[in-house]
């Protein structure tokens, strides 16, 4: 039967040392971050997702942002080669977990770099951001891996934020949502809906019209409610201090057959 699983990774005790690129560094409350991670993972479970914990990566401050390590399309897991060299040790345990779930594995190879946060999937369309963490060779290798599986790969520029999914995500009907000041080329997306807050650009599709999103975007939550969706709100303030968002904290693996 089909299953929906979400890979998550425990918070490193070194979280406060995580990389920041486009924002000023701010103090991180580790105890609060741990509580917020617990509420985030609980929200996934409460909405029908089985959480699978990847082995902790205590020496990697950014390890909790597990989405950056892989892109899953159909049953193929394309292991990333993070653009930040300090993050490359995060991938082996994630690969091990995905193999355990029955995924086939491919890899981005040198000199390609790719962060999973630069990849937005909606239906058979795969948008990949070409920016600070993902290079042209990484885009080429992703295209080669996924086009043969039926994907339509669209490369888009990313210059104003860390990752593509820091700027845009997509609603269940395929509409791309984004905060306009952070989106390089809205016209590259088939349907684009501007949202009033930066964090409003970040939604995780939980199924049944439910959208996991951050508490820091109440106006966007109201907008989505008016459009007939059901926001499921979590506070991730400590991760937002590290350029994190709701998508970063899990890898959603849909429709695996067990």
C-alpha atoms as a PDB file:
ATOM      1  CA  UNK A   1       0.000   0.000   0.000  1.00  0.00           C
ATOM      2  CA  UNK A   2       1.201   3.584  -0.565  1.00  0.00           C
ATOM      3  CA  UNK A   3       2.861   5.255   2.403  1.00  0.00           C
ATOM      4  CA  UNK A   4       3.941   8.746   3.309  1.00  0.00           C
ATOM      5  CA  UNK A   5       7.073   9.093   5.357  1.00  0.00           C
ATOM      6  CA  UNK A   6       9.053  12.109   6.466  1.00  0.00           C
ATOM      7  CA  UNK A   7      12.759  11.942   7.201  1.00  0.00           C
ATOM      8  CA  UNK A   8      13.798  14.195  10.077  1.00  0.00           C
ATOM      9  CA  UNK A   9      17.080  14.639  11.904  1.00  0.00           C
ATOM     10  CA  UNK A  10      17.615  15.581  15.561  1.00  0.00           C
ATOM     11  CA  UNK A  11      18.977  18.999  16.453  1.00  0.00           C
ATOM     12  CA  UNK A  12      22.753  19.273  16.759  1.00  0.00           C
ATOM     13  CA  UNK A  13      24.066  20.727  20.024  1.00  0.00           C
ATOM     14  CA  UNK A  14      26.075  23.059  17.745  1.00  0.00           C
ATOM     15  CA  UNK A  15      22.964  24.452  16.010  1.00  0.00           C
ATOM     16  CA  UNK A  16      23.835  28.039  16.924  1.00  0.00           C
ATOM     17  CA  UNK A  17      26.984  27.734  14.768  1.00  0.00           C
ATOM     18  CA  UNK A  18      24.910  27.094  11.638  1.00  0.00           C
ATOM     19  CA  UNK A  19      25.715  28.972   8.444  1.00  0.00           C
ATOM     20  CA  UNK A  20      24.042  32.298   7.648  1.00  0.00           C
ATOM     21  CA  UNK A  21      24.448  33.978   4.261  1.00  0.00           C
ATOM     22  CA  UNK A  22      21.776  36.584   3.573  1.00  0.00           C
ATOM     23  CA  UNK A  23      20.848  37.677   7.118  1.00  0.00           C
ATOM     24  CA  UNK A  24      22.633  38.911  10.232  1.00  0.00           C
ATOM     25  CA  UNK A  25      23.519  36.293  12.827  1.00  0.00           C
ATOM     26  CA  UNK A  26      21.258  36.274  15.893  1.00  0.00           C
ATOM     27  CA  UNK A  27      21.518  34.286  19.134  1.00  0.00           C
ATOM     28  CA  UNK A  28      19.792  30.901  18.985  1.00  0.00           C
ATOM     29  CA  UNK A  29      17.984  29.454  21.994  1.00  0.00           C
ATOM     30  CA  UNK A  30      18.906  25.777  21.749  1.00  0.00           C
ATOM     31  CA  UNK A  31      16.347  24.578  24.286  1.00  0.00           C
ATOM     32  CA  UNK A  32      13.581  26.400  22.444  1.00  0.00           C
ATOM     33  CA  UNK A  33      14.839  25.057  19.106  1.00  0.00           C
ATOM     34  CA  UNK A  34      14.602  21.533  20.495  1.00  0.00           C
ATOM     35  CA  UNK A  35      11.025  22.166  21.660  1.00  0.00           C
ATOM     36  CA  UNK A  36      10.088  23.615  18.279  1.00  0.00           C
ATOM     37  CA  UNK A  37      11.552  20.597  16.490  1.00  0.00           C
ATOM     38  CA  UNK A  38       9.419  18.350  18.679  1.00  0.00           C
ATOM     39  CA  UNK A  39       6.268  20.296  17.800  1.00  0.00           C
ATOM     40  CA  UNK A  40       7.174  20.281  14.096  1.00  0.00           C
ATOM     41  CA  UNK A  41       7.653  16.514  13.999  1.00  0.00           C
ATOM     42  CA  UNK A  42       4.460  16.032  16.025  1.00  0.00           C
ATOM     43  CA  UNK A  43       2.541  18.127  13.472  1.00  0.00           C
ATOM     44  CA  UNK A  44       3.755  15.813  10.714  1.00  0.00           C
ATOM     45  CA  UNK A  45       2.626  12.721  12.608  1.00  0.00           C
ATOM     46  CA  UNK A  46      -0.730  14.254  13.543  1.00  0.00           C
ATOM     47  CA  UNK A  47      -1.369  14.828   9.848  1.00  0.00           C
ATOM     48  CA  UNK A  48      -0.688  11.307   8.668  1.00  0.00           C
ATOM     49  CA  UNK A  49       3.073  11.270   8.152  1.00  0.00           C
ATOM     50  CA  UNK A  50       5.285   8.613   9.687  1.00  0.00           C
ATOM     51  CA  UNK A  51       8.494  10.304  10.824  1.00  0.00           C
ATOM     52  CA  UNK A  52      11.771   8.435  10.274  1.00  0.00           C
ATOM     53  CA  UNK A  53      14.712   9.755  12.275  1.00  0.00           C
ATOM     54  CA  UNK A  54      18.014   9.899  10.428  1.00  0.00           C
ATOM     55  CA  UNK A  55      21.038   9.258  12.650  1.00  0.00           C
ATOM     56  CA  UNK A  56      22.084  12.412  14.483  1.00  0.00           C
ATOM     57  CA  UNK A  57      24.897  14.521  13.041  1.00  0.00           C
ATOM     58  CA  UNK A  58      26.040  16.316  16.164  1.00  0.00           C
ATOM     59  CA  UNK A  59      29.204  17.667  14.521  1.00  0.00           C
ATOM     60  CA  UNK A  60      27.181  19.320  11.761  1.00  0.00           C
ATOM     61  CA  UNK A  61      25.379  22.449  13.020  1.00  0.00           C
ATOM     62  CA  UNK A  62      23.087  22.541   9.958  1.00  0.00           C
ATOM     63  CA  UNK A  63      22.283  18.820   9.988  1.00  0.00           C
ATOM     64  CA  UNK A  64      18.723  19.420  11.210  1.00  0.00           C
ATOM     65  CA  UNK A  65      18.021  20.998   7.792  1.00  0.00           C
ATOM     66  CA  UNK A  66      17.821  17.520   6.325  1.00  0.00           C
ATOM     67  CA  UNK A  67      16.035  18.605   3.131  1.00  0.00           C
ATOM     68  CA  UNK A  68      19.296  19.942   1.702  1.00  0.00           C
ATOM     69  CA  UNK A  69      20.873  16.488   1.541  1.00  0.00           C
ATOM     70  CA  UNK A  70      18.651  14.870  -1.103  1.00  0.00           C
ATOM     71  CA  UNK A  71      15.948  15.277  -3.737  1.00  0.00           C
ATOM     72  CA  UNK A  72      13.434  12.456  -4.147  1.00  0.00           C
ATOM     73  CA  UNK A  73      11.502  12.091  -7.413  1.00  0.00           C
ATOM     74  CA  UNK A  74       9.298   9.033  -7.794  1.00  0.00           C
ATOM     75  CA  UNK A  75      11.334   6.284  -6.097  1.00  0.00           C
ATOM     76  CA  UNK A  76      14.749   7.738  -6.941  1.00  0.00           C
ATOM     77  CA  UNK A  77      16.756   9.576  -4.298  1.00  0.00           C
ATOM     78  CA  UNK A  78      19.300  11.940  -5.845  1.00  0.00           C
ATOM     79  CA  UNK A  79      21.863  12.534  -3.109  1.00  0.00           C
ATOM     80  CA  UNK A  80      22.987  16.131  -3.021  1.00  0.00           C
ATOM     81  CA  UNK A  81      26.512  17.469  -2.990  1.00  0.00           C
ATOM     82  CA  UNK A  82      26.021  20.557  -0.817  1.00  0.00           C
ATOM     83  CA  UNK A  83      27.453  23.819  -2.037  1.00  0.00           C
ATOM     84  CA  UNK A  84      28.881  24.453   1.429  1.00  0.00           C
ATOM     85  CA  UNK A  85      31.753  21.999   1.818  1.00  0.00           C
ATOM     86  CA  UNK A  86      31.239  21.858   5.583  1.00  0.00           C
ATOM     87  CA  UNK A  87      27.839  20.213   5.028  1.00  0.00           C
ATOM     88  CA  UNK A  88      28.920  17.318   2.808  1.00  0.00           C
ATOM     89  CA  UNK A  89      29.291  14.938   5.731  1.00  0.00           C
ATOM     90  CA  UNK A  90      25.551  15.171   6.346  1.00  0.00           C
ATOM     91  CA  UNK A  91      24.563  12.983   3.395  1.00  0.00           C
ATOM     92  CA  UNK A  92      25.722   9.385   4.144  1.00  0.00           C
ATOM     93  CA  UNK A  93      23.266   8.685   6.978  1.00  0.00           C
ATOM     94  CA  UNK A  94      20.421  10.150   4.920  1.00  0.00           C
ATOM     95  CA  UNK A  95      21.317   7.863   2.021  1.00  0.00           C
ATOM     96  CA  UNK A  96      21.311   4.893   4.375  1.00  0.00           C
ATOM     97  CA  UNK A  97      17.830   5.800   5.629  1.00  0.00           C
ATOM     98  CA  UNK A  98      16.448   6.195   2.101  1.00  0.00           C
ATOM     99  CA  UNK A  99      17.880   2.880   0.949  1.00  0.00           C
ATOM    100  CA  UNK A 100      16.125   1.370   3.961  1.00  0.00           C
ATOM    101  CA  UNK A 101      12.850   2.822   2.690  1.00  0.00           C
ATOM    102  CA  UNK A 102      13.334   1.198  -0.707  1.00  0.00           C
ATOM    103  CA  UNK A 103      14.576   4.158  -2.735  1.00  0.00           C
ATOM    104  CA  UNK A 104      16.997   3.754  -5.617  1.00  0.00           C
ATOM    105  CA  UNK A 105      19.966   6.064  -5.181  1.00  0.00           C
ATOM    106  CA  UNK A 106      21.789   8.341  -7.592  1.00  0.00           C
ATOM    107  CA  UNK A 107      24.322  11.062  -6.680  1.00  0.00           C
ATOM    108  CA  UNK A 108      25.469  14.500  -7.702  1.00  0.00           C
ATOM    109  CA  UNK A 109      29.152  14.158  -8.478  1.00  0.00           C
ATOM    110  CA  UNK A 110      32.077  16.576  -8.449  1.00  0.00           C
ATOM    111  CA  UNK A 111      32.285  19.289  -9.755  1.00  0.00           C
ATOM    112  CA  UNK A 112      28.508  19.549  -9.453  1.00  0.00           C
ATOM    113  CA  UNK A 113      26.957  21.064  -6.355  1.00  0.00           C
ATOM    114  CA  UNK A 114      23.291  20.865  -5.423  1.00  0.00           C
ATOM    115  CA  UNK A 115      21.326  21.614  -2.244  1.00  0.00           C
ATOM    116  CA  UNK A 116      17.931  19.981  -1.885  1.00  0.00           C
ATOM    117  CA  UNK A 117      16.485  23.307  -0.764  1.00  0.00           C
ATOM    118  CA  UNK A 118      17.057  24.566  -4.311  1.00  0.00           C
ATOM    119  CA  UNK A 119      14.572  22.075  -5.782  1.00  0.00           C
ATOM    120  CA  UNK A 120      10.811  22.606  -5.898  1.00  0.00           C
ATOM    121  CA  UNK A 121       8.635  19.796  -7.271  1.00  0.00           C
ATOM    122  CA  UNK A 122       5.035  20.295  -8.342  1.00  0.00           C
ATOM    123  CA  UNK A 123       3.511  17.442 -10.280  1.00  0.00           C
ATOM    124  CA  UNK A 124       6.010  16.373 -12.925  1.00  0.00           C
ATOM    125  CA  UNK A 125       7.657  19.806 -13.023  1.00  0.00           C
ATOM    126  CA  UNK A 126      10.927  20.174 -11.143  1.00  0.00           C
ATOM    127  CA  UNK A 127      12.161  23.729 -10.637  1.00  0.00           C
ATOM    128  CA  UNK A 128      15.832  23.961  -9.692  1.00  0.00           C
ATOM    129  CA  UNK A 129      17.439  27.147  -8.443  1.00  0.00           C
ATOM    130  CA  UNK A 130      20.817  28.144  -9.822  1.00  0.00           C
ATOM    131  CA  UNK A 131      22.382  30.235  -7.089  1.00  0.00           C
ATOM    132  CA  UNK A 132      24.929  30.311  -4.312  1.00  0.00           C
ATOM    133  CA  UNK A 133      24.698  26.649  -3.346  1.00  0.00           C
ATOM    134  CA  UNK A 134      23.721  24.926  -6.601  1.00  0.00           C
ATOM    135  CA  UNK A 135      25.922  25.332  -9.673  1.00  0.00           C
ATOM    136  CA  UNK A 136      25.293  24.801 -13.390  1.00  0.00           C
ATOM    137  CA  UNK A 137      26.823  21.316 -13.340  1.00  0.00           C
ATOM    138  CA  UNK A 138      24.546  20.340 -10.460  1.00  0.00           C
ATOM    139  CA  UNK A 139      21.566  21.509 -12.504  1.00  0.00           C
ATOM    140  CA  UNK A 140      22.790  19.485 -15.492  1.00  0.00           C
ATOM    141  CA  UNK A 141      23.160  16.322 -13.428  1.00  0.00           C
ATOM    142  CA  UNK A 142      19.731  16.730 -11.852  1.00  0.00           C
ATOM    143  CA  UNK A 143      18.219  17.181 -15.309  1.00  0.00           C
ATOM    144  CA  UNK A 144      19.959  14.031 -16.554  1.00  0.00           C
ATOM    145  CA  UNK A 145      18.744  12.031 -13.549  1.00  0.00           C
ATOM    146  CA  UNK A 146      15.103  13.113 -13.553  1.00  0.00           C
ATOM    147  CA  UNK A 147      14.163  13.830 -17.176  1.00  0.00           C
ATOM    148  CA  UNK A 148      14.491  10.138 -17.945  1.00  0.00           C
ATOM    149  CA  UNK A 149      11.865   9.548 -15.216  1.00  0.00           C
ATOM    150  CA  UNK A 150       9.395  11.893 -16.912  1.00  0.00           C
ATOM    151  CA  UNK A 151      10.244  15.147 -15.135  1.00  0.00           C
ATOM    152  CA  UNK A 152      10.148  18.546 -16.814  1.00  0.00           C
ATOM    153  CA  UNK A 153      13.154  20.350 -15.324  1.00  0.00           C
ATOM    154  CA  UNK A 154      13.106  24.151 -15.257  1.00  0.00           C
ATOM    155  CA  UNK A 155      16.190  26.051 -14.084  1.00  0.00           C
ATOM    156  CA  UNK A 156      15.557  29.424 -12.441  1.00  0.00           C
ATOM    157  CA  UNK A 157      17.956  32.054 -11.074  1.00  0.00           C
ATOM    158  CA  UNK A 158      18.312  32.539  -7.317  1.00  0.00           C
ATOM    159  CA  UNK A 159      20.236  35.574  -6.125  1.00  0.00           C
ATOM    160  CA  UNK A 160      18.250  37.154  -3.283  1.00  0.00           C
ATOM    161  CA  UNK A 161      17.909  34.234  -0.868  1.00  0.00           C
ATOM    162  CA  UNK A 162      19.843  31.158   0.213  1.00  0.00           C
ATOM    163  CA  UNK A 163      17.763  28.578  -1.678  1.00  0.00           C
ATOM    164  CA  UNK A 164      14.965  28.535  -4.232  1.00  0.00           C
ATOM    165  CA  UNK A 165      12.547  27.270  -1.578  1.00  0.00           C
ATOM    166  CA  UNK A 166      13.494  30.216   0.633  1.00  0.00           C
ATOM    167  CA  UNK A 167      11.645  32.262  -2.009  1.00  0.00           C
ATOM    168  CA  UNK A 168       8.900  30.002  -3.403  1.00  0.00           C
ATOM    169  CA  UNK A 169       6.966  26.810  -2.757  1.00  0.00           C
ATOM    170  CA  UNK A 170       3.737  25.498  -4.327  1.00  0.00           C
ATOM    171  CA  UNK A 171       0.133  24.897  -3.335  1.00  0.00           C
ATOM    172  CA  UNK A 172      -1.606  21.561  -4.004  1.00  0.00           C
ATOM    173  CA  UNK A 173      -3.037  22.857  -7.298  1.00  0.00           C
ATOM    174  CA  UNK A 174       0.442  23.714  -8.590  1.00  0.00           C
ATOM    175  CA  UNK A 175       0.223  27.465  -7.991  1.00  0.00           C
ATOM    176  CA  UNK A 176       3.653  28.746  -6.968  1.00  0.00           C
ATOM    177  CA  UNK A 177       3.560  31.094  -3.973  1.00  0.00           C
ATOM    178  CA  UNK A 178       6.315  33.573  -3.243  1.00  0.00           C
ATOM    179  CA  UNK A 179       7.248  36.812  -1.534  1.00  0.00           C
ATOM    180  CA  UNK A 180       7.903  39.111  -4.521  1.00  0.00           C
ATOM    181  CA  UNK A 181      10.971  41.017  -3.184  1.00  0.00           C
ATOM    182  CA  UNK A 182      12.840  37.710  -2.939  1.00  0.00           C
ATOM    183  CA  UNK A 183      11.839  36.130  -6.274  1.00  0.00           C
ATOM    184  CA  UNK A 184      14.161  36.765  -9.215  1.00  0.00           C
ATOM    185  CA  UNK A 185      11.774  35.945 -12.071  1.00  0.00           C
ATOM    186  CA  UNK A 186       8.133  35.256 -11.103  1.00  0.00           C
ATOM    187  CA  UNK A 187       7.258  34.930 -14.793  1.00  0.00           C
ATOM    188  CA  UNK A 188       9.192  31.639 -14.983  1.00  0.00           C
ATOM    189  CA  UNK A 189       6.470  29.937 -12.946  1.00  0.00           C
ATOM    190  CA  UNK A 190       3.254  28.961 -14.714  1.00  0.00           C
ATOM    191  CA  UNK A 191       0.962  30.385 -12.039  1.00  0.00           C
ATOM    192  CA  UNK A 192       2.392  32.716  -9.410  1.00  0.00           C
ATOM    193  CA  UNK A 193       0.592  33.992  -6.304  1.00  0.00           C
ATOM    194  CA  UNK A 194       2.331  36.743  -4.309  1.00  0.00           C
ATOM    195  CA  UNK A 195       2.104  36.465  -0.525  1.00  0.00           C
ATOM    196  CA  UNK A 196       2.412  39.327   1.993  1.00  0.00           C
ATOM    197  CA  UNK A 197       5.173  37.867   4.199  1.00  0.00           C
ATOM    198  CA  UNK A 198       8.510  36.182   3.565  1.00  0.00           C
ATOM    199  CA  UNK A 199       7.593  33.114   5.619  1.00  0.00           C
ATOM    200  CA  UNK A 200       4.296  32.894   3.751  1.00  0.00           C
ATOM    201  CA  UNK A 201       6.254  31.641   0.759  1.00  0.00           C
ATOM    202  CA  UNK A 202       7.045  28.417   2.634  1.00  0.00           C
ATOM    203  CA  UNK A 203       4.414  25.669   2.785  1.00  0.00           C
ATOM    204  CA  UNK A 204       4.642  21.905   3.195  1.00  0.00           C
ATOM    205  CA  UNK A 205       1.773  19.960   1.626  1.00  0.00           C
ATOM    206  CA  UNK A 206       0.390  17.627   4.267  1.00  0.00           C
ATOM    207  CA  UNK A 207      -2.462  16.258   2.145  1.00  0.00           C
ATOM    208  CA  UNK A 208      -6.170  17.022   2.090  1.00  0.00           C
ATOM    209  CA  UNK A 209      -5.593  20.731   1.526  1.00  0.00           C
ATOM    210  CA  UNK A 210      -3.618  21.119   4.742  1.00  0.00           C
ATOM    211  CA  UNK A 211      -0.541  23.372   4.619  1.00  0.00           C
ATOM    212  CA  UNK A 212       2.196  23.235   7.244  1.00  0.00           C
ATOM    213  CA  UNK A 213       3.538  26.771   7.650  1.00  0.00           C
ATOM    214  CA  UNK A 214       5.331  29.068  10.057  1.00  0.00           C
ATOM    215  CA  UNK A 215       3.635  31.110  12.768  1.00  0.00           C
ATOM    216  CA  UNK A 216       5.524  34.175  11.502  1.00  0.00           C
ATOM    217  CA  UNK A 217       3.196  34.488   8.481  1.00  0.00           C
ATOM    218  CA  UNK A 218      -0.321  35.095   9.863  1.00  0.00           C
ATOM    219  CA  UNK A 219      -1.461  37.254   6.935  1.00  0.00           C
ATOM    220  CA  UNK A 220      -0.433  34.554   4.468  1.00  0.00           C
ATOM    221  CA  UNK A 221      -2.211  31.915   6.566  1.00  0.00           C
ATOM    222  CA  UNK A 222      -5.358  34.041   6.350  1.00  0.00           C
ATOM    223  CA  UNK A 223      -4.948  34.299   2.572  1.00  0.00           C
ATOM    224  CA  UNK A 224      -4.602  30.535   2.210  1.00  0.00           C
ATOM    225  CA  UNK A 225      -7.652  29.980   4.423  1.00  0.00           C
ATOM    226  CA  UNK A 226      -9.676  32.280   2.172  1.00  0.00           C
ATOM    227  CA  UNK A 227      -8.568  30.153  -0.789  1.00  0.00           C
ATOM    228  CA  UNK A 228      -9.978  27.044   0.865  1.00  0.00           C
ATOM    229  CA  UNK A 229      -6.809  25.565   2.356  1.00  0.00           C
ATOM    230  CA  UNK A 230      -6.235  24.649   5.998  1.00  0.00           C
ATOM    231  CA  UNK A 231      -3.045  26.118   7.527  1.00  0.00           C
ATOM    232  CA  UNK A 232      -1.332  23.997  10.186  1.00  0.00           C
ATOM    233  CA  UNK A 233       0.833  26.511  12.015  1.00  0.00           C
ATOM    234  CA  UNK A 234       4.094  25.815  13.868  1.00  0.00           C
ATOM    235  CA  UNK A 235       6.576  28.188  15.485  1.00  0.00           C
ATOM    236  CA  UNK A 236      10.077  27.751  14.017  1.00  0.00           C
ATOM    237  CA  UNK A 237      11.560  31.088  15.108  1.00  0.00           C
ATOM    238  CA  UNK A 238      14.939  29.638  16.117  1.00  0.00           C
ATOM    239  CA  UNK A 239      15.404  28.032  12.689  1.00  0.00           C
ATOM    240  CA  UNK A 240      14.385  31.207  10.895  1.00  0.00           C
ATOM    241  CA  UNK A 241      17.412  32.840  12.555  1.00  0.00           C
ATOM    242  CA  UNK A 242      19.501  30.419  10.457  1.00  0.00           C
ATOM    243  CA  UNK A 243      17.621  30.971   7.181  1.00  0.00           C
ATOM    244  CA  UNK A 244      15.571  27.852   7.811  1.00  0.00           C
ATOM    245  CA  UNK A 245      11.904  27.338   6.975  1.00  0.00           C
ATOM    246  CA  UNK A 246       9.260  24.621   7.338  1.00  0.00           C
ATOM    247  CA  UNK A 247      10.402  22.777   4.230  1.00  0.00           C
ATOM    248  CA  UNK A 248      14.029  22.505   5.416  1.00  0.00           C
ATOM    249  CA  UNK A 249      13.327  20.363   8.460  1.00  0.00           C
ATOM    250  CA  UNK A 250      12.104  17.215   6.693  1.00  0.00           C
ATOM    251  CA  UNK A 251      12.288  15.209   3.496  1.00  0.00           C
ATOM    252  CA  UNK A 252       8.807  14.089   2.502  1.00  0.00           C
ATOM    253  CA  UNK A 253       8.725  10.758   0.684  1.00  0.00           C
ATOM    254  CA  UNK A 254       5.331  10.041  -0.883  1.00  0.00           C
ATOM    255  CA  UNK A 255       3.756   7.008  -2.469  1.00  0.00           C
ATOM    256  CA  UNK A 256       6.405   4.426  -1.693  1.00  0.00           C
ATOM    257  CA  UNK A 257       4.840   0.997  -1.908  1.00  0.00           C
ATOM    258  CA  UNK A 258       5.428  -1.270   1.040  1.00  0.00           C
END
